[in-house]
Amino acid sequence: MAQIILTPAQRKDHRSEAHHLNAVVMIGSDGLTDAVKKETDAALNAHGLIKVRVQSDERSSREQIFQILSNELNAAPIQHIGKLLVLWRPIPEKEKKIDEDRMPGPRDIKVLKNSSRYGQRPEVRTLRVLGNQRLTPGGTIKRAKKPQLRSAKKRSQD
């Protein structure tokens, strides 16, 4: 796979976004293994922009790891500063399953009611709220009102 080529302005934007990030993948004394590549690929799919920390003291080996990761994972090399490598790859679009028959399901909500006797523990009740219902501030369930198509004033004029 070929690595992504960015303009200097795009690379600068990604560097500024990566400034506050922590390293997601760490490469230890074993170096660049298949497991490290797999984790780096998963992190790029999840986050898009990641930092990788390399524990090696040799700059040439870090530079080589940087190039291998960017080439094999089809990522853009953003920055190599010290032992940190910054890589970017666009996050792939996730497919959303659309089901027209699906309705909002019931929700279980815990309601805390104070005891009628002073000094007793409050009572905790679990209420099931359906899709067409709402929970009032008093802790009771009411059905949602259907929206009015026209105002009462306009209806009286007809």
N, C-alpha and C. Protein backbone atom coordinates (compact mmCIF):
# COMPACT_ATOMS: atom_id res chain seq x y z
N MET A 1 0.84 -1.19 0.00
CA MET A 1 0.00 0.00 0.00
C MET A 1 0.88 1.25 0.00
N ALA A 2 0.38 2.29 -0.59
CA ALA A 2 1.11 3.55 -0.63
C ALA A 2 0.64 4.44 0.50
N GLN A 3 1.57 5.25 1.00
CA GLN A 3 1.19 6.14 2.09
C GLN A 3 0.48 7.37 1.55
N ILE A 4 -0.29 8.01 2.40
CA ILE A 4 -1.06 9.19 2.04
C ILE A 4 -0.11 10.39 2.00
N ILE A 5 -0.24 11.21 0.97
CA ILE A 5 0.60 12.40 0.85
C ILE A 5 -0.25 13.61 1.19
N LEU A 6 0.24 14.41 2.14
CA LEU A 6 -0.48 15.61 2.60
C LEU A 6 0.32 16.86 2.24
N THR A 7 -0.39 17.97 2.16
CA THR A 7 0.28 19.26 1.96
C THR A 7 0.85 19.70 3.30
N PRO A 8 1.81 20.61 3.29
CA PRO A 8 2.37 21.10 4.56
C PRO A 8 1.32 21.75 5.48
N ALA A 9 0.32 22.40 4.90
CA ALA A 9 -0.72 23.02 5.72
C ALA A 9 -1.57 21.95 6.41
N GLN A 10 -1.91 20.88 5.68
CA GLN A 10 -2.67 19.79 6.29
C GLN A 10 -1.86 19.11 7.39
N ARG A 11 -0.58 18.90 7.12
CA ARG A 11 0.29 18.27 8.12
C ARG A 11 0.39 19.14 9.37
N LYS A 12 0.43 20.44 9.18
CA LYS A 12 0.50 21.37 10.32
C LYS A 12 -0.78 21.29 11.16
N ASP A 13 -1.94 21.21 10.49
CA ASP A 13 -3.22 21.09 11.21
C ASP A 13 -3.26 19.81 12.03
N HIS A 14 -2.80 18.71 11.45
CA HIS A 14 -2.81 17.43 12.18
C HIS A 14 -1.81 17.45 13.35
N ARG A 15 -0.69 18.12 13.17
CA ARG A 15 0.28 18.25 14.27
C ARG A 15 -0.33 19.00 15.44
N SER A 16 -1.08 20.06 15.14
CA SER A 16 -1.70 20.84 16.22
C SER A 16 -2.80 20.03 16.91
N GLU A 17 -3.54 19.22 16.16
CA GLU A 17 -4.57 18.37 16.77
C GLU A 17 -3.96 17.28 17.63
N ALA A 18 -2.77 16.79 17.26
CA ALA A 18 -2.14 15.69 17.98
C ALA A 18 -1.38 16.15 19.21
N HIS A 19 -1.23 17.44 19.38
CA HIS A 19 -0.40 17.96 20.47
C HIS A 19 -0.86 17.46 21.84
N HIS A 20 -2.15 17.46 22.09
CA HIS A 20 -2.67 17.10 23.41
C HIS A 20 -2.89 15.60 23.58
N LEU A 21 -2.69 14.80 22.53
CA LEU A 21 -2.94 13.36 22.62
C LEU A 21 -1.86 12.63 23.39
N ASN A 22 -2.23 11.52 24.00
CA ASN A 22 -1.27 10.62 24.63
C ASN A 22 -0.98 9.48 23.66
N ALA A 23 0.15 8.81 23.89
CA ALA A 23 0.53 7.69 23.03
C ALA A 23 -0.46 6.55 23.21
N VAL A 24 -0.97 6.03 22.10
CA VAL A 24 -1.94 4.94 22.14
C VAL A 24 -1.24 3.60 22.01
N VAL A 25 -0.18 3.54 21.20
CA VAL A 25 0.57 2.31 20.97
C VAL A 25 2.00 2.53 21.43
N MET A 26 2.55 1.52 22.11
CA MET A 26 3.95 1.60 22.55
C MET A 26 4.72 0.43 21.95
N ILE A 27 5.87 0.73 21.37
CA ILE A 27 6.72 -0.29 20.77
C ILE A 27 7.89 -0.49 21.71
N GLY A 28 8.01 -1.70 22.25
CA GLY A 28 9.02 -2.00 23.25
C GLY A 28 10.30 -2.52 22.65
N SER A 29 10.99 -3.34 23.43
CA SER A 29 12.31 -3.84 23.03
C SER A 29 12.23 -4.86 21.90
N ASP A 30 11.08 -5.51 21.71
CA ASP A 30 10.93 -6.48 20.63
C ASP A 30 10.86 -5.81 19.27
N GLY A 31 10.60 -4.54 19.24
CA GLY A 31 10.54 -3.81 17.98
C GLY A 31 9.18 -3.90 17.33
N LEU A 32 9.16 -3.78 16.04
CA LEU A 32 7.92 -3.75 15.27
C LEU A 32 7.49 -5.18 14.94
N THR A 33 6.51 -5.69 15.68
CA THR A 33 6.01 -7.04 15.47
C THR A 33 4.65 -6.97 14.77
N ASP A 34 4.14 -8.14 14.41
CA ASP A 34 2.82 -8.19 13.76
C ASP A 34 1.73 -7.72 14.71
N ALA A 35 1.88 -8.04 15.99
CA ALA A 35 0.88 -7.61 16.98
C ALA A 35 0.86 -6.10 17.10
N VAL A 36 2.02 -5.47 17.05
CA VAL A 36 2.10 -4.00 17.13
C VAL A 36 1.44 -3.38 15.90
N LYS A 37 1.69 -3.96 14.74
CA LYS A 37 1.07 -3.45 13.51
C LYS A 37 -0.45 -3.57 13.57
N LYS A 38 -0.91 -4.71 14.11
CA LYS A 38 -2.34 -4.93 14.21
C LYS A 38 -2.98 -3.92 15.16
N GLU A 39 -2.36 -3.66 16.30
CA GLU A 39 -2.89 -2.69 17.26
C GLU A 39 -2.85 -1.27 16.69
N THR A 40 -1.79 -0.95 15.97
CA THR A 40 -1.69 0.37 15.35
C THR A 40 -2.79 0.55 14.30
N ASP A 41 -3.06 -0.49 13.53
CA ASP A 41 -4.12 -0.44 12.53
C ASP A 41 -5.48 -0.25 13.20
N ALA A 42 -5.72 -0.97 14.30
CA ALA A 42 -6.99 -0.84 15.02
C ALA A 42 -7.14 0.56 15.60
N ALA A 43 -6.05 1.12 16.13
CA ALA A 43 -6.09 2.47 16.69
C ALA A 43 -6.35 3.51 15.61
N LEU A 44 -5.76 3.32 14.44
CA LEU A 44 -6.00 4.25 13.33
C LEU A 44 -7.45 4.17 12.85
N ASN A 45 -8.02 2.97 12.84
CA ASN A 45 -9.43 2.83 12.46
C ASN A 45 -10.34 3.49 13.47
N ALA A 46 -9.98 3.43 14.75
CA ALA A 46 -10.83 3.98 15.79
C ALA A 46 -10.67 5.48 15.94
N HIS A 47 -9.44 5.99 15.87
CA HIS A 47 -9.18 7.39 16.19
C HIS A 47 -8.79 8.24 14.99
N GLY A 48 -8.12 7.66 14.02
CA GLY A 48 -7.68 8.43 12.86
C GLY A 48 -6.31 9.05 13.07
N LEU A 49 -6.13 9.78 14.15
CA LEU A 49 -4.87 10.45 14.44
C LEU A 49 -4.33 9.87 15.75
N ILE A 50 -3.13 9.27 15.70
CA ILE A 50 -2.60 8.61 16.90
C ILE A 50 -1.14 8.96 17.10
N LYS A 51 -0.70 8.75 18.34
CA LYS A 51 0.71 8.85 18.67
C LYS A 51 1.21 7.46 19.02
N VAL A 52 2.43 7.16 18.57
CA VAL A 52 3.08 5.89 18.86
C VAL A 52 4.39 6.20 19.56
N ARG A 53 4.62 5.56 20.71
CA ARG A 53 5.88 5.76 21.45
C ARG A 53 6.80 4.58 21.17
N VAL A 54 8.05 4.87 20.77
CA VAL A 54 9.05 3.85 20.49
C VAL A 54 10.11 3.92 21.58
N GLN A 55 10.41 2.79 22.22
CA GLN A 55 11.36 2.77 23.33
C GLN A 55 12.82 2.67 22.88
N SER A 56 13.06 2.53 21.60
CA SER A 56 14.42 2.39 21.08
C SER A 56 15.17 3.72 21.20
N ASP A 57 16.48 3.63 21.48
CA ASP A 57 17.30 4.83 21.61
C ASP A 57 17.92 5.27 20.28
N GLU A 58 17.90 4.42 19.29
CA GLU A 58 18.53 4.73 18.01
C GLU A 58 17.54 5.46 17.10
N ARG A 59 17.95 6.63 16.65
CA ARG A 59 17.08 7.44 15.79
C ARG A 59 16.83 6.77 14.45
N SER A 60 17.83 6.11 13.91
CA SER A 60 17.66 5.48 12.59
C SER A 60 16.62 4.35 12.65
N SER A 61 16.60 3.59 13.74
CA SER A 61 15.60 2.52 13.85
C SER A 61 14.19 3.11 14.03
N ARG A 62 14.09 4.21 14.77
CA ARG A 62 12.78 4.88 14.93
C ARG A 62 12.29 5.42 13.59
N GLU A 63 13.18 5.99 12.81
CA GLU A 63 12.83 6.51 11.50
C GLU A 63 12.38 5.38 10.57
N GLN A 64 13.05 4.24 10.67
CA GLN A 64 12.69 3.09 9.87
C GLN A 64 11.31 2.56 10.27
N ILE A 65 11.03 2.49 11.57
CA ILE A 65 9.72 2.05 12.06
C ILE A 65 8.64 3.00 11.57
N PHE A 66 8.93 4.31 11.61
CA PHE A 66 7.99 5.33 11.15
C PHE A 66 7.62 5.11 9.69
N GLN A 67 8.61 4.85 8.84
CA GLN A 67 8.36 4.65 7.42
C GLN A 67 7.62 3.34 7.17
N ILE A 68 7.99 2.28 7.89
CA ILE A 68 7.32 0.98 7.71
C ILE A 68 5.84 1.08 8.10
N LEU A 69 5.56 1.71 9.24
CA LEU A 69 4.18 1.85 9.68
C LEU A 69 3.36 2.66 8.68
N SER A 70 3.91 3.76 8.21
CA SER A 70 3.15 4.60 7.28
C SER A 70 2.94 3.91 5.94
N ASN A 71 3.91 3.13 5.47
CA ASN A 71 3.75 2.43 4.19
C ASN A 71 2.80 1.25 4.29
N GLU A 72 2.98 0.40 5.31
CA GLU A 72 2.18 -0.82 5.39
C GLU A 72 0.75 -0.58 5.84
N LEU A 73 0.52 0.48 6.63
CA LEU A 73 -0.83 0.74 7.13
C LEU A 73 -1.55 1.81 6.33
N ASN A 74 -0.93 2.27 5.24
CA ASN A 74 -1.53 3.29 4.38
C ASN A 74 -1.89 4.54 5.19
N ALA A 75 -0.94 5.00 5.98
CA ALA A 75 -1.15 6.17 6.83
C ALA A 75 -0.19 7.28 6.42
N ALA A 76 -0.55 8.49 6.78
CA ALA A 76 0.29 9.64 6.47
C ALA A 76 1.22 9.90 7.65
N PRO A 77 2.53 9.98 7.41
CA PRO A 77 3.45 10.33 8.51
C PRO A 77 3.33 11.82 8.80
N ILE A 78 2.94 12.15 10.02
CA ILE A 78 2.73 13.55 10.37
C ILE A 78 3.97 14.13 11.03
N GLN A 79 4.50 13.45 12.06
CA GLN A 79 5.61 14.02 12.81
C GLN A 79 6.40 12.92 13.49
N HIS A 80 7.72 13.10 13.55
CA HIS A 80 8.61 12.24 14.32
C HIS A 80 9.45 13.16 15.19
N ILE A 81 9.13 13.20 16.46
CA ILE A 81 9.85 14.07 17.37
C ILE A 81 10.25 13.25 18.59
N GLY A 82 11.55 13.09 18.76
CA GLY A 82 12.05 12.27 19.86
C GLY A 82 11.62 10.83 19.67
N LYS A 83 10.99 10.28 20.70
CA LYS A 83 10.54 8.88 20.64
C LYS A 83 9.06 8.77 20.28
N LEU A 84 8.45 9.87 19.88
CA LEU A 84 7.04 9.87 19.51
C LEU A 84 6.87 9.96 18.01
N LEU A 85 5.98 9.13 17.49
CA LEU A 85 5.62 9.15 16.08
C LEU A 85 4.14 9.50 15.99
N VAL A 86 3.79 10.37 15.08
CA VAL A 86 2.39 10.75 14.89
C VAL A 86 1.97 10.30 13.50
N LEU A 87 0.88 9.49 13.46
CA LEU A 87 0.35 8.97 12.20
C LEU A 87 -1.10 9.39 12.05
N TRP A 88 -1.52 9.57 10.79
CA TRP A 88 -2.92 9.92 10.51
C TRP A 88 -3.42 9.11 9.34
N ARG A 89 -4.67 8.69 9.45
CA ARG A 89 -5.37 8.03 8.36
C ARG A 89 -6.84 8.37 8.52
N PRO A 90 -7.55 8.68 7.43
CA PRO A 90 -8.98 9.00 7.58
C PRO A 90 -9.73 7.81 8.17
N ILE A 91 -10.68 8.12 9.04
CA ILE A 91 -11.49 7.07 9.66
C ILE A 91 -12.47 6.55 8.63
N PRO A 92 -12.55 5.23 8.44
CA PRO A 92 -13.49 4.70 7.44
C PRO A 92 -14.93 4.91 7.89
N GLU A 93 -15.80 5.13 6.90
CA GLU A 93 -17.22 5.33 7.19
C GLU A 93 -17.84 4.02 7.68
N LYS A 94 -18.64 4.12 8.73
CA LYS A 94 -19.33 2.95 9.25
C LYS A 94 -20.70 2.86 8.60
N GLU A 95 -21.10 1.64 8.28
CA GLU A 95 -22.41 1.43 7.69
C GLU A 95 -23.45 1.42 8.79
N LYS A 96 -24.50 2.20 8.59
CA LYS A 96 -25.59 2.22 9.56
C LYS A 96 -26.72 1.37 9.01
N LYS A 97 -27.21 0.48 9.88
CA LYS A 97 -28.35 -0.35 9.48
C LYS A 97 -29.62 0.44 9.72
N ILE A 98 -30.39 0.61 8.67
CA ILE A 98 -31.63 1.36 8.78
C ILE A 98 -32.79 0.37 8.75
N ASP A 99 -33.58 0.38 9.80
CA ASP A 99 -34.74 -0.49 9.89
C ASP A 99 -35.95 0.40 10.08
N GLU A 100 -36.83 0.45 9.07
CA GLU A 100 -37.99 1.33 9.14
C GLU A 100 -39.00 0.91 10.20
N ASP A 101 -39.03 -0.39 10.53
CA ASP A 101 -40.00 -0.90 11.48
C ASP A 101 -39.57 -0.66 12.93
N ARG A 102 -38.37 -0.20 13.13
CA ARG A 102 -37.83 -0.06 14.49
C ARG A 102 -38.45 1.15 15.18
N MET A 103 -38.88 0.93 16.39
CA MET A 103 -39.45 2.00 17.22
C MET A 103 -38.59 2.14 18.47
N PRO A 104 -38.65 3.29 19.15
CA PRO A 104 -37.89 3.42 20.38
C PRO A 104 -38.37 2.42 21.41
N GLY A 105 -37.46 1.74 22.04
CA GLY A 105 -37.81 0.72 23.01
C GLY A 105 -38.04 1.29 24.39
N PRO A 106 -38.49 0.46 25.30
CA PRO A 106 -38.73 0.92 26.66
C PRO A 106 -37.41 1.21 27.38
N ARG A 107 -37.46 2.17 28.29
CA ARG A 107 -36.30 2.53 29.09
C ARG A 107 -36.65 2.30 30.56
N ASP A 108 -35.72 1.78 31.31
CA ASP A 108 -35.91 1.61 32.75
C ASP A 108 -35.22 2.78 33.45
N ILE A 109 -35.99 3.52 34.24
CA ILE A 109 -35.48 4.70 34.93
C ILE A 109 -35.69 4.53 36.41
N LYS A 110 -34.64 4.83 37.18
CA LYS A 110 -34.75 4.76 38.63
C LYS A 110 -35.24 6.10 39.15
N VAL A 111 -36.27 6.06 40.01
CA VAL A 111 -36.87 7.27 40.58
C VAL A 111 -36.66 7.21 42.08
N LEU A 112 -36.18 8.30 42.66
CA LEU A 112 -35.95 8.39 44.08
C LEU A 112 -37.02 9.26 44.69
N LYS A 113 -37.84 8.68 45.59
CA LYS A 113 -38.91 9.43 46.27
C LYS A 113 -38.61 9.48 47.75
N ASN A 114 -38.73 10.67 48.33
CA ASN A 114 -38.51 10.81 49.76
C ASN A 114 -39.63 10.12 50.53
N SER A 115 -39.30 9.61 51.68
CA SER A 115 -40.27 8.91 52.51
C SER A 115 -41.24 9.92 53.13
N SER A 116 -42.47 9.46 53.35
CA SER A 116 -43.46 10.35 53.96
C SER A 116 -43.15 10.57 55.45
N ARG A 117 -42.43 9.61 56.05
CA ARG A 117 -42.01 9.77 57.44
C ARG A 117 -40.64 10.40 57.48
N TYR A 118 -40.47 11.36 58.35
CA TYR A 118 -39.20 12.07 58.46
C TYR A 118 -38.12 11.13 59.00
N GLY A 119 -36.95 11.19 58.42
CA GLY A 119 -35.81 10.42 58.90
C GLY A 119 -35.69 9.04 58.28
N GLN A 120 -36.66 8.61 57.49
CA GLN A 120 -36.59 7.30 56.85
C GLN A 120 -35.80 7.42 55.54
N ARG A 121 -35.29 6.31 55.09
CA ARG A 121 -34.56 6.30 53.83
C ARG A 121 -35.51 6.58 52.66
N PRO A 122 -35.01 7.24 51.63
CA PRO A 122 -35.86 7.45 50.46
C PRO A 122 -36.11 6.13 49.74
N GLU A 123 -37.24 6.07 49.06
CA GLU A 123 -37.63 4.86 48.35
C GLU A 123 -37.15 4.94 46.91
N VAL A 124 -36.51 3.88 46.45
CA VAL A 124 -36.02 3.81 45.08
C VAL A 124 -36.95 2.89 44.30
N ARG A 125 -37.53 3.43 43.22
CA ARG A 125 -38.41 2.63 42.37
C ARG A 125 -37.86 2.65 40.95
N THR A 126 -38.02 1.54 40.27
CA THR A 126 -37.63 1.45 38.87
C THR A 126 -38.89 1.47 38.02
N LEU A 127 -38.97 2.47 37.14
CA LEU A 127 -40.13 2.62 36.28
C LEU A 127 -39.74 2.33 34.84
N ARG A 128 -40.64 1.69 34.11
CA ARG A 128 -40.40 1.41 32.69
C ARG A 128 -41.17 2.45 31.88
N VAL A 129 -40.43 3.22 31.09
CA VAL A 129 -41.02 4.29 30.28
C VAL A 129 -40.98 3.82 28.83
N LEU A 130 -42.13 3.78 28.19
CA LEU A 130 -42.23 3.36 26.80
C LEU A 130 -41.90 4.53 25.88
N GLY A 131 -41.86 4.25 24.59
CA GLY A 131 -41.46 5.27 23.61
C GLY A 131 -42.38 6.46 23.53
N ASN A 132 -43.70 6.27 23.79
CA ASN A 132 -44.64 7.38 23.69
C ASN A 132 -44.95 8.00 25.06
N GLN A 133 -44.11 7.73 26.05
CA GLN A 133 -44.34 8.25 27.39
C GLN A 133 -43.18 9.13 27.81
N ARG A 134 -43.45 9.92 28.86
CA ARG A 134 -42.39 10.75 29.43
C ARG A 134 -42.51 10.72 30.94
N LEU A 135 -41.41 11.04 31.60
CA LEU A 135 -41.37 11.06 33.06
C LEU A 135 -41.43 12.50 33.52
N THR A 136 -42.40 12.82 34.39
CA THR A 136 -42.55 14.18 34.89
C THR A 136 -41.56 14.41 36.02
N PRO A 137 -41.30 15.68 36.38
CA PRO A 137 -40.41 15.95 37.51
C PRO A 137 -40.91 15.35 38.83
N GLY A 138 -42.21 15.13 38.96
CA GLY A 138 -42.76 14.54 40.17
C GLY A 138 -42.57 13.03 40.24
N GLY A 139 -42.11 12.40 39.18
CA GLY A 139 -41.87 10.98 39.18
C GLY A 139 -43.02 10.15 38.68
N THR A 140 -43.95 10.76 37.98
CA THR A 140 -45.05 10.00 37.40
C THR A 140 -44.87 9.90 35.89
N ILE A 141 -45.51 8.90 35.32
CA ILE A 141 -45.39 8.68 33.87
C ILE A 141 -46.62 9.23 33.18
N LYS A 142 -46.40 10.01 32.12
CA LYS A 142 -47.49 10.56 31.32
C LYS A 142 -47.22 10.23 29.86
N ARG A 143 -48.32 10.06 29.13
CA ARG A 143 -48.17 9.85 27.70
C ARG A 143 -47.82 11.15 27.02
N ALA A 144 -47.01 11.06 26.00
CA ALA A 144 -46.63 12.25 25.25
C ALA A 144 -47.84 12.76 24.48
N LYS A 145 -47.98 14.07 24.44
CA LYS A 145 -49.10 14.67 23.72
C LYS A 145 -48.79 14.70 22.24
N LYS A 146 -49.82 14.49 21.44
CA LYS A 146 -49.64 14.59 20.01
C LYS A 146 -49.51 16.06 19.64
N PRO A 147 -48.64 16.39 18.70
CA PRO A 147 -48.48 17.79 18.33
C PRO A 147 -49.74 18.32 17.64
N GLN A 148 -50.06 19.58 17.94
CA GLN A 148 -51.21 20.21 17.30
C GLN A 148 -50.82 20.63 15.89
N LEU A 149 -51.71 20.37 14.97
CA LEU A 149 -51.42 20.74 13.60
C LEU A 149 -51.59 22.24 13.39
N ARG A 150 -52.61 22.80 14.05
CA ARG A 150 -52.84 24.25 13.94
C ARG A 150 -53.16 24.77 15.32
N SER A 151 -52.97 26.05 15.52
CA SER A 151 -53.24 26.64 16.81
C SER A 151 -54.74 26.73 17.05
N ALA A 152 -55.12 26.90 18.31
CA ALA A 152 -56.54 26.97 18.67
C ALA A 152 -57.19 28.21 18.05
N LYS A 153 -56.43 29.30 17.93
CA LYS A 153 -56.96 30.53 17.36
C LYS A 153 -57.32 30.36 15.89
N LYS A 154 -56.44 29.68 15.15
CA LYS A 154 -56.70 29.45 13.73
C LYS A 154 -57.87 28.47 13.54
N ARG A 155 -58.00 27.50 14.45
CA ARG A 155 -59.10 26.56 14.35
C ARG A 155 -60.44 27.26 14.60
N SER A 156 -60.46 28.24 15.51
CA SER A 156 -61.72 28.92 15.82
C SER A 156 -62.13 29.85 14.67
N GLN A 157 -61.18 30.29 13.85
CA GLN A 157 -61.51 31.18 12.74
C GLN A 157 -62.19 30.42 11.60
N ASP A 158 -61.96 29.13 11.51
CA ASP A 158 -62.55 28.34 10.41
C ASP A 158 -63.98 28.07 10.59
